[in-house]
């Protein structure tokens, strides 16, 4: 859930690495308990495309960035201004390796920390300056080294004073100060964020 004004944009990113945008006023208003309207009525998704992330944007200023993360631990940082002229049928946001898919996109200020979390309970924290700025339709670089069948399930953008809420598949959760996540360089295997067992 987020708050956006009528003239804001919402950027929709799909699992296949494409981006679409919609002005907020084009989304029909509805009552709190109504079903809402399918997104495919508002944007021209391709077959097999699913929405992976959405980012509300007031203006496409030159000082903000979009950071994207994929299931296989690749991250991609691009200037927000690169998304200021999106066609109705969408644009390619980033290139994905075969078998990989986009899982999250976030808006950053250029001076934020990023935490990637994996399904098996690992997490890596690094400053966004560790990722160089790229253009659209690029692959990106390694954000975290994954072990075995592990995969990235979440990415958050944080400040030093924030708290991190970790929630597991079976509904267990815990809250941890950001300072407990040792800041490292991107590409490492990270630290244990939460111990995963059959129980949680």
N, C-alpha and C. Protein backbone atom coordinates (compact mmCIF):
# COMPACT_ATOMS: atom_id res chain seq x y z
N UNK A 1 0.84 -1.19 0.00
CA UNK A 1 0.00 0.00 0.00
C UNK A 1 0.88 1.24 0.00
N UNK A 2 0.47 2.27 -0.75
CA UNK A 2 1.19 3.53 -0.72
C UNK A 2 0.22 4.65 -1.07
N UNK A 3 0.60 5.86 -0.78
CA UNK A 3 -0.22 7.03 -1.09
C UNK A 3 0.37 7.72 -2.31
N UNK A 4 -0.50 8.09 -3.26
CA UNK A 4 -0.04 8.78 -4.46
C UNK A 4 -1.07 9.82 -4.86
N UNK A 5 -0.63 10.94 -5.41
CA UNK A 5 -1.57 11.96 -5.87
C UNK A 5 -2.05 11.65 -7.28
N UNK A 6 -3.15 12.29 -7.69
CA UNK A 6 -3.77 11.99 -8.99
C UNK A 6 -2.81 12.14 -10.16
N UNK A 7 -1.87 13.09 -10.08
CA UNK A 7 -0.99 13.34 -11.21
C UNK A 7 0.36 12.64 -11.08
N UNK A 8 0.49 11.78 -10.08
CA UNK A 8 1.68 10.94 -9.99
C UNK A 8 1.61 9.83 -11.04
N UNK A 9 2.75 9.22 -11.27
CA UNK A 9 2.81 8.06 -12.15
C UNK A 9 3.04 6.82 -11.28
N UNK A 10 2.59 5.67 -11.76
CA UNK A 10 3.00 4.41 -11.17
C UNK A 10 3.74 3.63 -12.24
N UNK A 11 4.99 3.28 -11.95
CA UNK A 11 5.77 2.43 -12.85
C UNK A 11 5.52 0.99 -12.48
N UNK A 12 5.08 0.19 -13.43
CA UNK A 12 4.86 -1.24 -13.23
C UNK A 12 5.99 -2.01 -13.90
N UNK A 13 6.72 -2.82 -13.13
CA UNK A 13 7.80 -3.64 -13.66
C UNK A 13 7.36 -5.11 -13.66
N UNK A 14 7.65 -5.81 -14.75
CA UNK A 14 7.19 -7.19 -14.87
C UNK A 14 8.34 -8.17 -14.61
N UNK A 15 7.97 -9.43 -14.40
CA UNK A 15 8.95 -10.48 -14.16
C UNK A 15 9.91 -10.64 -15.33
N UNK A 16 9.50 -10.19 -16.53
CA UNK A 16 10.33 -10.33 -17.73
C UNK A 16 11.23 -9.12 -17.97
N UNK A 17 11.23 -8.16 -17.00
CA UNK A 17 12.13 -7.02 -17.09
C UNK A 17 11.64 -5.87 -17.93
N UNK A 18 10.32 -5.78 -18.14
CA UNK A 18 9.76 -4.66 -18.89
C UNK A 18 9.09 -3.68 -17.94
N UNK A 19 8.89 -2.44 -18.40
CA UNK A 19 8.28 -1.40 -17.57
C UNK A 19 7.14 -0.72 -18.32
N UNK A 20 6.07 -0.47 -17.59
CA UNK A 20 4.90 0.26 -18.09
C UNK A 20 4.57 1.35 -17.08
N UNK A 21 3.95 2.45 -17.51
CA UNK A 21 3.48 3.40 -16.50
C UNK A 21 2.08 3.87 -16.78
N UNK A 22 1.42 4.26 -15.67
CA UNK A 22 0.03 4.71 -15.70
C UNK A 22 -0.08 5.94 -14.81
N UNK A 23 -0.81 6.95 -15.26
CA UNK A 23 -1.13 8.09 -14.40
C UNK A 23 -2.16 7.62 -13.36
N UNK A 24 -2.01 8.06 -12.12
CA UNK A 24 -2.89 7.59 -11.05
C UNK A 24 -4.35 7.89 -11.35
N UNK A 25 -4.64 9.05 -11.97
CA UNK A 25 -6.05 9.40 -12.19
C UNK A 25 -6.74 8.46 -13.20
N UNK A 26 -5.94 7.66 -13.95
CA UNK A 26 -6.53 6.72 -14.91
C UNK A 26 -6.98 5.42 -14.24
N UNK A 27 -6.60 5.24 -12.97
CA UNK A 27 -7.02 4.05 -12.24
C UNK A 27 -8.38 4.33 -11.61
N UNK A 28 -9.40 3.54 -11.90
CA UNK A 28 -10.75 3.82 -11.39
C UNK A 28 -10.79 3.78 -9.86
N UNK A 29 -11.49 4.74 -9.27
CA UNK A 29 -11.71 4.72 -7.83
C UNK A 29 -12.67 3.59 -7.49
N UNK A 30 -12.52 3.04 -6.29
CA UNK A 30 -13.39 1.95 -5.87
C UNK A 30 -13.55 1.98 -4.36
N UNK A 31 -14.59 1.34 -3.86
CA UNK A 31 -14.83 1.26 -2.43
C UNK A 31 -13.80 0.35 -1.77
N UNK A 32 -13.63 0.50 -0.47
CA UNK A 32 -12.62 -0.26 0.27
C UNK A 32 -12.79 -1.77 0.11
N UNK A 33 -14.03 -2.24 0.04
CA UNK A 33 -14.26 -3.69 0.00
C UNK A 33 -14.56 -4.21 -1.41
N UNK A 34 -14.28 -3.41 -2.44
CA UNK A 34 -14.55 -3.88 -3.81
C UNK A 34 -13.37 -4.68 -4.34
N UNK A 35 -13.58 -5.41 -5.42
CA UNK A 35 -12.55 -6.27 -5.98
C UNK A 35 -11.46 -5.50 -6.71
N UNK A 36 -11.79 -4.32 -7.22
CA UNK A 36 -10.82 -3.59 -8.02
C UNK A 36 -10.90 -4.00 -9.48
N UNK A 37 -9.92 -3.57 -10.26
CA UNK A 37 -9.94 -3.80 -11.70
C UNK A 37 -8.62 -4.44 -12.13
N UNK A 38 -8.67 -5.43 -13.03
CA UNK A 38 -7.43 -6.07 -13.47
C UNK A 38 -6.47 -5.08 -14.14
N UNK A 39 -5.19 -5.18 -13.81
CA UNK A 39 -4.19 -4.29 -14.38
C UNK A 39 -4.13 -4.42 -15.89
N UNK A 40 -4.43 -5.62 -16.42
CA UNK A 40 -4.36 -5.81 -17.87
C UNK A 40 -5.37 -4.95 -18.61
N UNK A 41 -6.36 -4.39 -17.90
CA UNK A 41 -7.29 -3.44 -18.53
C UNK A 41 -6.67 -2.05 -18.66
N UNK A 42 -5.54 -1.81 -17.99
CA UNK A 42 -4.92 -0.50 -17.98
C UNK A 42 -3.62 -0.45 -18.77
N UNK A 43 -2.90 -1.56 -18.83
CA UNK A 43 -1.63 -1.61 -19.58
C UNK A 43 -1.61 -2.86 -20.46
N UNK A 44 -0.82 -2.78 -21.54
CA UNK A 44 -0.79 -3.86 -22.52
C UNK A 44 0.30 -4.88 -22.19
N UNK A 45 0.03 -5.73 -21.20
CA UNK A 45 1.00 -6.75 -20.85
C UNK A 45 1.13 -7.79 -21.96
N UNK A 46 2.34 -8.30 -22.14
CA UNK A 46 2.57 -9.37 -23.10
C UNK A 46 2.15 -10.71 -22.48
N UNK A 47 1.93 -11.73 -23.32
CA UNK A 47 1.60 -13.06 -22.78
C UNK A 47 2.68 -13.54 -21.80
N UNK A 48 2.26 -14.14 -20.72
CA UNK A 48 3.15 -14.71 -19.68
C UNK A 48 3.85 -13.66 -18.84
N UNK A 49 3.58 -12.35 -19.06
CA UNK A 49 4.15 -11.31 -18.21
C UNK A 49 3.32 -11.16 -16.95
N UNK A 50 3.98 -11.03 -15.81
CA UNK A 50 3.30 -10.78 -14.54
C UNK A 50 3.94 -9.57 -13.87
N UNK A 51 3.14 -8.80 -13.15
CA UNK A 51 3.68 -7.65 -12.44
C UNK A 51 4.51 -8.14 -11.25
N UNK A 52 5.77 -7.67 -11.18
CA UNK A 52 6.66 -8.05 -10.08
C UNK A 52 6.80 -6.92 -9.07
N UNK A 53 6.73 -5.67 -9.53
CA UNK A 53 6.97 -4.53 -8.64
C UNK A 53 6.29 -3.30 -9.21
N UNK A 54 5.99 -2.35 -8.32
CA UNK A 54 5.47 -1.06 -8.78
C UNK A 54 6.07 0.05 -7.94
N UNK A 55 6.32 1.19 -8.59
CA UNK A 55 6.99 2.31 -7.95
C UNK A 55 6.21 3.59 -8.23
N UNK A 56 5.70 4.27 -7.20
CA UNK A 56 5.03 5.56 -7.43
C UNK A 56 6.06 6.67 -7.62
N UNK A 57 5.83 7.54 -8.61
CA UNK A 57 6.79 8.59 -8.95
C UNK A 57 6.04 9.90 -9.17
N UNK A 58 6.48 10.96 -8.49
CA UNK A 58 5.87 12.28 -8.70
C UNK A 58 6.45 12.96 -9.93
N UNK A 59 7.77 12.91 -10.09
CA UNK A 59 8.41 13.52 -11.25
C UNK A 59 9.69 12.75 -11.55
N UNK A 60 10.11 12.81 -12.79
CA UNK A 60 11.28 12.04 -13.22
C UNK A 60 12.54 12.90 -13.11
N UNK A 61 12.92 13.18 -11.84
CA UNK A 61 14.05 14.08 -11.61
C UNK A 61 15.38 13.36 -11.83
N UNK A 62 16.41 14.13 -12.03
CA UNK A 62 17.72 13.57 -12.38
C UNK A 62 18.53 13.11 -11.18
N UNK A 63 18.01 13.33 -9.96
CA UNK A 63 18.77 12.97 -8.76
C UNK A 63 18.32 11.65 -8.13
N UNK A 64 17.30 11.02 -8.71
CA UNK A 64 16.78 9.76 -8.16
C UNK A 64 17.13 8.60 -9.09
N UNK A 65 17.05 7.40 -8.52
CA UNK A 65 17.43 6.20 -9.26
C UNK A 65 16.40 5.09 -9.05
N UNK A 66 16.37 4.16 -9.99
CA UNK A 66 15.61 2.92 -9.85
C UNK A 66 16.62 1.79 -9.67
N UNK A 67 16.48 1.04 -8.58
CA UNK A 67 17.31 -0.15 -8.39
C UNK A 67 16.42 -1.38 -8.52
N UNK A 68 16.83 -2.30 -9.38
CA UNK A 68 16.08 -3.54 -9.61
C UNK A 68 16.89 -4.73 -9.12
N UNK A 69 16.19 -5.76 -8.65
CA UNK A 69 16.85 -6.99 -8.20
C UNK A 69 16.18 -8.18 -8.86
N UNK A 70 16.98 -9.20 -9.17
CA UNK A 70 16.44 -10.41 -9.78
C UNK A 70 16.57 -11.60 -8.83
N UNK A 71 15.86 -12.64 -9.17
CA UNK A 71 15.83 -13.85 -8.35
C UNK A 71 17.22 -14.47 -8.17
N UNK A 72 18.07 -14.32 -9.18
CA UNK A 72 19.40 -14.92 -9.13
C UNK A 72 20.46 -13.97 -8.56
N UNK A 73 20.02 -12.87 -7.94
CA UNK A 73 20.95 -12.02 -7.22
C UNK A 73 21.62 -10.93 -8.03
N UNK A 74 21.10 -10.62 -9.22
CA UNK A 74 21.64 -9.54 -10.04
C UNK A 74 20.92 -8.24 -9.68
N UNK A 75 21.68 -7.15 -9.55
CA UNK A 75 21.06 -5.85 -9.29
C UNK A 75 21.43 -4.89 -10.41
N UNK A 76 20.55 -3.91 -10.63
CA UNK A 76 20.72 -2.97 -11.73
C UNK A 76 20.26 -1.60 -11.27
N UNK A 77 21.14 -0.60 -11.37
CA UNK A 77 20.82 0.77 -10.94
C UNK A 77 20.78 1.68 -12.16
N UNK A 78 19.66 2.38 -12.32
CA UNK A 78 19.48 3.24 -13.49
C UNK A 78 18.90 4.59 -13.05
N UNK A 79 19.21 5.67 -13.78
CA UNK A 79 18.62 6.97 -13.44
C UNK A 79 17.12 6.96 -13.68
N UNK A 80 16.36 7.53 -12.77
CA UNK A 80 14.91 7.59 -12.91
C UNK A 80 14.51 8.31 -14.20
N UNK A 81 15.31 9.30 -14.61
CA UNK A 81 15.00 10.07 -15.82
C UNK A 81 14.93 9.20 -17.06
N UNK A 82 15.54 8.03 -17.03
CA UNK A 82 15.51 7.12 -18.19
C UNK A 82 14.12 6.56 -18.44
N UNK A 83 13.20 6.76 -17.47
CA UNK A 83 11.84 6.21 -17.59
C UNK A 83 10.79 7.29 -17.85
N UNK A 84 11.24 8.46 -18.27
CA UNK A 84 10.31 9.60 -18.40
C UNK A 84 9.47 9.55 -19.67
N UNK A 85 9.82 8.67 -20.61
CA UNK A 85 9.10 8.64 -21.88
C UNK A 85 8.77 7.21 -22.28
N UNK A 86 7.82 6.62 -21.56
CA UNK A 86 7.47 5.22 -21.78
C UNK A 86 6.30 5.12 -22.75
N UNK A 87 6.43 4.23 -23.73
CA UNK A 87 5.35 4.02 -24.69
C UNK A 87 4.23 3.18 -24.07
N UNK A 88 3.06 3.24 -24.68
CA UNK A 88 1.91 2.51 -24.16
C UNK A 88 2.14 1.00 -24.07
N UNK A 89 2.93 0.48 -25.02
CA UNK A 89 3.19 -0.97 -25.00
C UNK A 89 4.43 -1.32 -24.19
N UNK A 90 4.94 -0.35 -23.39
CA UNK A 90 6.03 -0.63 -22.47
C UNK A 90 7.41 -0.51 -23.10
N UNK A 91 8.43 -0.59 -22.25
CA UNK A 91 9.83 -0.56 -22.69
C UNK A 91 10.60 -1.64 -21.94
N UNK A 92 11.75 -2.02 -22.50
CA UNK A 92 12.63 -2.96 -21.81
C UNK A 92 13.39 -2.21 -20.74
N UNK A 93 13.25 -2.65 -19.50
CA UNK A 93 13.94 -2.00 -18.39
C UNK A 93 15.34 -2.60 -18.19
N UNK A 94 15.43 -3.94 -18.21
CA UNK A 94 16.73 -4.58 -18.04
C UNK A 94 16.74 -5.93 -18.75
N UNK A 95 17.94 -6.39 -19.07
CA UNK A 95 18.12 -7.71 -19.68
C UNK A 95 18.25 -8.76 -18.59
N UNK A 96 17.60 -9.87 -18.77
CA UNK A 96 17.64 -10.95 -17.78
C UNK A 96 18.36 -12.17 -18.34
N UNK A 97 19.14 -12.84 -17.49
CA UNK A 97 19.74 -14.11 -17.89
C UNK A 97 18.63 -15.14 -18.08
N UNK A 98 18.92 -16.16 -18.86
CA UNK A 98 17.94 -17.21 -19.09
C UNK A 98 17.58 -17.89 -17.76
N UNK A 99 16.29 -18.02 -17.48
CA UNK A 99 15.84 -18.65 -16.24
C UNK A 99 15.73 -17.71 -15.07
N UNK A 100 16.15 -16.45 -15.24
CA UNK A 100 16.07 -15.46 -14.17
C UNK A 100 14.81 -14.64 -14.33
N UNK A 101 14.38 -13.98 -13.25
CA UNK A 101 13.23 -13.07 -13.37
C UNK A 101 13.36 -11.93 -12.36
N UNK A 102 12.77 -10.80 -12.71
CA UNK A 102 12.77 -9.63 -11.83
C UNK A 102 11.87 -9.90 -10.63
N UNK A 103 12.33 -9.49 -9.43
CA UNK A 103 11.50 -9.69 -8.24
C UNK A 103 11.15 -8.39 -7.52
N UNK A 104 11.95 -7.32 -7.72
CA UNK A 104 11.68 -6.08 -6.98
C UNK A 104 12.36 -4.90 -7.63
N UNK A 105 11.72 -3.71 -7.53
CA UNK A 105 12.32 -2.44 -7.94
C UNK A 105 12.03 -1.42 -6.86
N UNK A 106 12.99 -0.55 -6.57
CA UNK A 106 12.81 0.48 -5.56
C UNK A 106 13.37 1.81 -6.07
N UNK A 107 12.80 2.89 -5.55
CA UNK A 107 13.28 4.23 -5.84
C UNK A 107 14.31 4.61 -4.78
N UNK A 108 15.46 5.15 -5.19
CA UNK A 108 16.50 5.54 -4.24
C UNK A 108 16.93 6.98 -4.47
N UNK A 109 17.62 7.53 -3.48
CA UNK A 109 18.06 8.93 -3.54
C UNK A 109 19.48 9.08 -4.06
N UNK A 110 20.19 7.97 -4.21
CA UNK A 110 21.61 8.02 -4.55
C UNK A 110 22.50 7.87 -3.34
N UNK A 111 21.91 7.91 -2.12
CA UNK A 111 22.70 7.81 -0.89
C UNK A 111 22.02 6.86 0.10
N UNK A 112 21.45 5.78 -0.40
CA UNK A 112 20.75 4.81 0.45
C UNK A 112 21.53 3.51 0.55
N UNK A 113 21.16 2.71 1.55
CA UNK A 113 21.67 1.34 1.65
C UNK A 113 20.62 0.39 1.10
N UNK A 114 21.09 -0.72 0.56
CA UNK A 114 20.21 -1.74 -0.01
C UNK A 114 20.43 -3.04 0.74
N UNK A 115 19.35 -3.73 1.07
CA UNK A 115 19.45 -5.07 1.66
C UNK A 115 18.72 -6.06 0.76
N UNK A 116 19.43 -7.12 0.36
CA UNK A 116 18.83 -8.21 -0.39
C UNK A 116 18.61 -9.37 0.56
N UNK A 117 17.41 -9.97 0.54
CA UNK A 117 17.10 -11.11 1.38
C UNK A 117 16.79 -12.33 0.54
N UNK A 118 17.24 -13.51 1.01
CA UNK A 118 17.04 -14.73 0.23
C UNK A 118 16.06 -15.68 0.92
N UNK A 119 15.58 -16.63 0.14
CA UNK A 119 14.58 -17.58 0.64
C UNK A 119 15.11 -18.43 1.80
N UNK A 120 16.42 -18.71 1.79
CA UNK A 120 17.01 -19.54 2.84
C UNK A 120 17.52 -18.73 4.03
N UNK A 121 17.14 -17.43 4.09
CA UNK A 121 17.41 -16.65 5.29
C UNK A 121 18.70 -15.85 5.32
N UNK A 122 19.40 -15.72 4.18
CA UNK A 122 20.60 -14.89 4.13
C UNK A 122 20.22 -13.45 3.76
N UNK A 123 21.10 -12.51 4.09
CA UNK A 123 20.89 -11.11 3.71
C UNK A 123 22.24 -10.44 3.52
N UNK A 124 22.30 -9.54 2.55
CA UNK A 124 23.51 -8.74 2.33
C UNK A 124 23.10 -7.28 2.28
N UNK A 125 23.90 -6.43 2.96
CA UNK A 125 23.63 -4.98 2.99
C UNK A 125 24.83 -4.25 2.41
N UNK A 126 24.57 -3.32 1.50
CA UNK A 126 25.64 -2.53 0.90
C UNK A 126 25.09 -1.16 0.53
N UNK A 127 26.00 -0.18 0.39
CA UNK A 127 25.60 1.16 -0.02
C UNK A 127 25.39 1.16 -1.53
N UNK A 128 24.39 1.91 -1.99
CA UNK A 128 24.08 1.88 -3.42
C UNK A 128 25.22 2.41 -4.29
N UNK A 129 26.16 3.14 -3.70
CA UNK A 129 27.31 3.62 -4.47
C UNK A 129 28.20 2.45 -4.93
N UNK A 130 27.99 1.27 -4.34
CA UNK A 130 28.75 0.09 -4.77
C UNK A 130 28.28 -0.43 -6.12
N UNK A 131 27.16 0.08 -6.60
CA UNK A 131 26.66 -0.30 -7.92
C UNK A 131 26.79 0.89 -8.86
N UNK A 132 27.42 0.70 -9.98
CA UNK A 132 27.57 1.82 -10.90
C UNK A 132 26.27 2.05 -11.67
N UNK A 133 26.08 3.28 -12.07
CA UNK A 133 24.87 3.67 -12.80
C UNK A 133 24.92 3.11 -14.22
N UNK A 134 23.84 2.46 -14.63
CA UNK A 134 23.78 1.85 -15.96
C UNK A 134 22.63 2.45 -16.76
N UNK A 135 22.59 2.15 -18.04
CA UNK A 135 21.46 2.55 -18.87
C UNK A 135 20.38 1.48 -18.85
N UNK A 136 19.26 1.80 -19.48
CA UNK A 136 18.20 0.81 -19.59
C UNK A 136 18.66 -0.34 -20.50
N UNK A 137 17.99 -1.47 -20.34
CA UNK A 137 18.23 -2.63 -21.19
C UNK A 137 19.63 -3.21 -21.01
N UNK A 138 20.16 -3.11 -19.78
CA UNK A 138 21.45 -3.70 -19.45
C UNK A 138 21.23 -4.83 -18.43
N UNK A 139 22.24 -5.67 -18.27
CA UNK A 139 22.09 -6.83 -17.39
C UNK A 139 22.22 -6.47 -15.91
N UNK A 140 23.15 -5.61 -15.57
CA UNK A 140 23.42 -5.32 -14.17
C UNK A 140 24.62 -6.08 -13.67
N UNK A 141 24.75 -6.19 -12.34
CA UNK A 141 25.92 -6.82 -11.74
C UNK A 141 25.49 -7.65 -10.52
N UNK A 142 26.40 -8.47 -10.03
CA UNK A 142 26.06 -9.38 -8.93
C UNK A 142 25.83 -8.60 -7.64
N UNK A 143 24.69 -8.82 -7.01
CA UNK A 143 24.38 -8.19 -5.74
C UNK A 143 24.66 -9.09 -4.56
N UNK A 144 24.48 -10.40 -4.77
CA UNK A 144 24.69 -11.37 -3.69
C UNK A 144 25.09 -12.70 -4.32
N UNK A 145 25.97 -13.42 -3.64
CA UNK A 145 26.36 -14.76 -4.06
C UNK A 145 25.43 -15.77 -3.39
N UNK A 146 24.74 -16.56 -4.19
CA UNK A 146 23.76 -17.51 -3.68
C UNK A 146 24.37 -18.90 -3.57
N UNK A 147 23.93 -19.63 -2.56
CA UNK A 147 24.43 -21.00 -2.35
C UNK A 147 23.34 -22.00 -2.68
N UNK A 148 23.71 -23.06 -3.39
CA UNK A 148 22.76 -24.13 -3.68
C UNK A 148 21.56 -23.64 -4.48
N UNK A 149 20.37 -24.00 -3.98
CA UNK A 149 19.13 -23.64 -4.68
C UNK A 149 18.52 -22.34 -4.15
N UNK A 150 19.30 -21.58 -3.38
CA UNK A 150 18.78 -20.35 -2.79
C UNK A 150 18.42 -19.34 -3.88
N UNK A 151 17.53 -18.40 -3.56
CA UNK A 151 17.16 -17.35 -4.51
C UNK A 151 16.75 -16.10 -3.74
N UNK A 152 16.89 -14.94 -4.38
CA UNK A 152 16.50 -13.67 -3.75
C UNK A 152 14.97 -13.56 -3.78
N UNK A 153 14.41 -13.20 -2.63
CA UNK A 153 12.95 -13.04 -2.54
C UNK A 153 12.53 -11.62 -2.21
N UNK A 154 13.49 -10.78 -1.77
CA UNK A 154 13.10 -9.42 -1.38
C UNK A 154 14.30 -8.48 -1.44
N UNK A 155 13.99 -7.21 -1.69
CA UNK A 155 14.99 -6.15 -1.63
C UNK A 155 14.34 -4.95 -0.97
N UNK A 156 15.05 -4.32 -0.03
CA UNK A 156 14.55 -3.10 0.60
C UNK A 156 15.63 -2.03 0.55
N UNK A 157 15.19 -0.78 0.59
CA UNK A 157 16.09 0.37 0.65
C UNK A 157 15.96 0.96 2.05
N UNK A 158 17.09 1.15 2.74
CA UNK A 158 17.04 1.49 4.16
C UNK A 158 17.97 2.64 4.51
N UNK A 159 17.69 3.26 5.65
CA UNK A 159 18.58 4.22 6.30
C UNK A 159 19.15 3.57 7.56
N UNK A 160 20.22 4.14 8.10
CA UNK A 160 20.91 3.58 9.26
C UNK A 160 20.00 3.43 10.47
N UNK A 161 18.99 4.29 10.62
CA UNK A 161 18.13 4.27 11.80
C UNK A 161 16.88 3.40 11.64
N UNK A 162 16.73 2.75 10.49
CA UNK A 162 15.52 1.96 10.22
C UNK A 162 15.54 0.62 10.96
N UNK A 163 14.37 -0.02 10.95
CA UNK A 163 14.23 -1.40 11.43
C UNK A 163 13.85 -2.27 10.24
N UNK A 164 14.26 -3.53 10.27
CA UNK A 164 13.92 -4.49 9.22
C UNK A 164 12.94 -5.51 9.78
N UNK A 165 11.80 -5.67 9.14
CA UNK A 165 10.83 -6.70 9.52
C UNK A 165 10.98 -7.87 8.56
N UNK A 166 11.36 -9.03 9.08
CA UNK A 166 11.51 -10.24 8.28
C UNK A 166 10.34 -11.17 8.58
N UNK A 167 9.65 -11.61 7.54
CA UNK A 167 8.50 -12.50 7.69
C UNK A 167 8.74 -13.75 6.86
N UNK A 168 8.49 -14.92 7.46
CA UNK A 168 8.75 -16.19 6.77
C UNK A 168 7.48 -16.74 6.13
N UNK A 169 7.69 -17.74 5.31
CA UNK A 169 6.61 -18.36 4.54
C UNK A 169 5.48 -18.87 5.43
N UNK A 170 5.83 -19.39 6.61
CA UNK A 170 4.81 -19.94 7.51
C UNK A 170 4.31 -18.93 8.54
N UNK A 171 4.61 -17.65 8.32
CA UNK A 171 4.01 -16.60 9.15
C UNK A 171 4.78 -16.19 10.38
N UNK A 172 6.02 -16.65 10.55
CA UNK A 172 6.85 -16.19 11.65
C UNK A 172 7.54 -14.89 11.24
N UNK A 173 7.81 -14.02 12.21
CA UNK A 173 8.45 -12.75 11.88
C UNK A 173 9.33 -12.26 13.01
N UNK A 174 10.23 -11.34 12.67
CA UNK A 174 11.06 -10.69 13.69
C UNK A 174 11.48 -9.33 13.17
N UNK A 175 11.80 -8.44 14.13
CA UNK A 175 12.19 -7.08 13.81
C UNK A 175 13.64 -6.88 14.25
N UNK A 176 14.46 -6.31 13.36
CA UNK A 176 15.89 -6.18 13.63
C UNK A 176 16.37 -4.80 13.21
N UNK A 177 17.18 -4.11 14.04
CA UNK A 177 17.74 -2.81 13.61
C UNK A 177 18.66 -2.98 12.41
N UNK A 178 18.63 -2.03 11.50
CA UNK A 178 19.49 -2.07 10.32
C UNK A 178 20.96 -2.16 10.71
N UNK A 179 21.35 -1.51 11.81
CA UNK A 179 22.77 -1.51 12.21
C UNK A 179 23.27 -2.91 12.56
N UNK A 180 22.33 -3.87 12.80
CA UNK A 180 22.75 -5.25 13.07
C UNK A 180 23.18 -5.97 11.80
N UNK A 181 22.88 -5.38 10.64
CA UNK A 181 23.30 -5.96 9.36
C UNK A 181 24.62 -5.31 8.95
N UNK A 182 25.70 -6.03 9.13
CA UNK A 182 27.02 -5.49 8.82
C UNK A 182 27.08 -5.05 7.36
N UNK A 183 27.54 -3.82 7.13
CA UNK A 183 27.62 -3.32 5.76
C UNK A 183 28.83 -3.94 5.08
N UNK A 184 28.62 -4.53 3.92
CA UNK A 184 29.71 -5.18 3.17
C UNK A 184 29.67 -4.66 1.73
N UNK A 185 30.54 -5.19 0.91
CA UNK A 185 30.48 -4.86 -0.50
C UNK A 185 29.43 -5.75 -1.15
N UNK A 186 28.88 -5.30 -2.26
CA UNK A 186 27.90 -6.14 -2.97
C UNK A 186 28.61 -7.38 -3.49
N UNK A 187 27.84 -8.43 -3.71
CA UNK A 187 28.39 -9.65 -4.29
C UNK A 187 28.80 -10.69 -3.28
N UNK A 188 28.80 -10.34 -1.97
CA UNK A 188 29.14 -11.33 -0.95
C UNK A 188 27.97 -12.26 -0.68
N UNK A 189 28.21 -13.27 0.16
CA UNK A 189 27.13 -14.21 0.50
C UNK A 189 26.28 -13.71 1.65
N UNK A 190 26.72 -12.62 2.31
CA UNK A 190 25.90 -12.00 3.35
C UNK A 190 25.99 -12.69 4.69
N UNK A 191 25.01 -12.37 5.54
CA UNK A 191 24.94 -12.91 6.89
C UNK A 191 23.61 -13.63 7.07
N UNK A 192 23.50 -14.37 8.18
CA UNK A 192 22.23 -15.04 8.47
C UNK A 192 21.23 -13.98 8.94
N UNK A 193 20.15 -13.84 8.21
CA UNK A 193 19.09 -12.90 8.55
C UNK A 193 18.09 -13.55 9.50
N UNK A 194 17.69 -14.78 9.16
CA UNK A 194 16.79 -15.55 10.01
C UNK A 194 17.07 -17.03 9.75
N UNK A 195 17.07 -17.82 10.80
CA UNK A 195 17.32 -19.25 10.63
C UNK A 195 16.06 -19.94 10.13
N UNK A 196 16.17 -20.58 8.97
CA UNK A 196 15.01 -21.23 8.34
C UNK A 196 15.00 -22.72 8.66
N UNK A 197 13.86 -23.17 9.16
CA UNK A 197 13.66 -24.59 9.49
C UNK A 197 12.33 -25.03 8.90
N UNK A 198 12.01 -26.32 9.07
CA UNK A 198 10.71 -26.83 8.61
C UNK A 198 9.58 -26.11 9.33
N UNK A 199 9.84 -25.66 10.56
CA UNK A 199 8.81 -25.00 11.35
C UNK A 199 8.37 -23.65 10.77
N UNK A 200 9.38 -22.83 10.34
CA UNK A 200 9.00 -21.48 9.92
C UNK A 200 9.02 -21.26 8.41
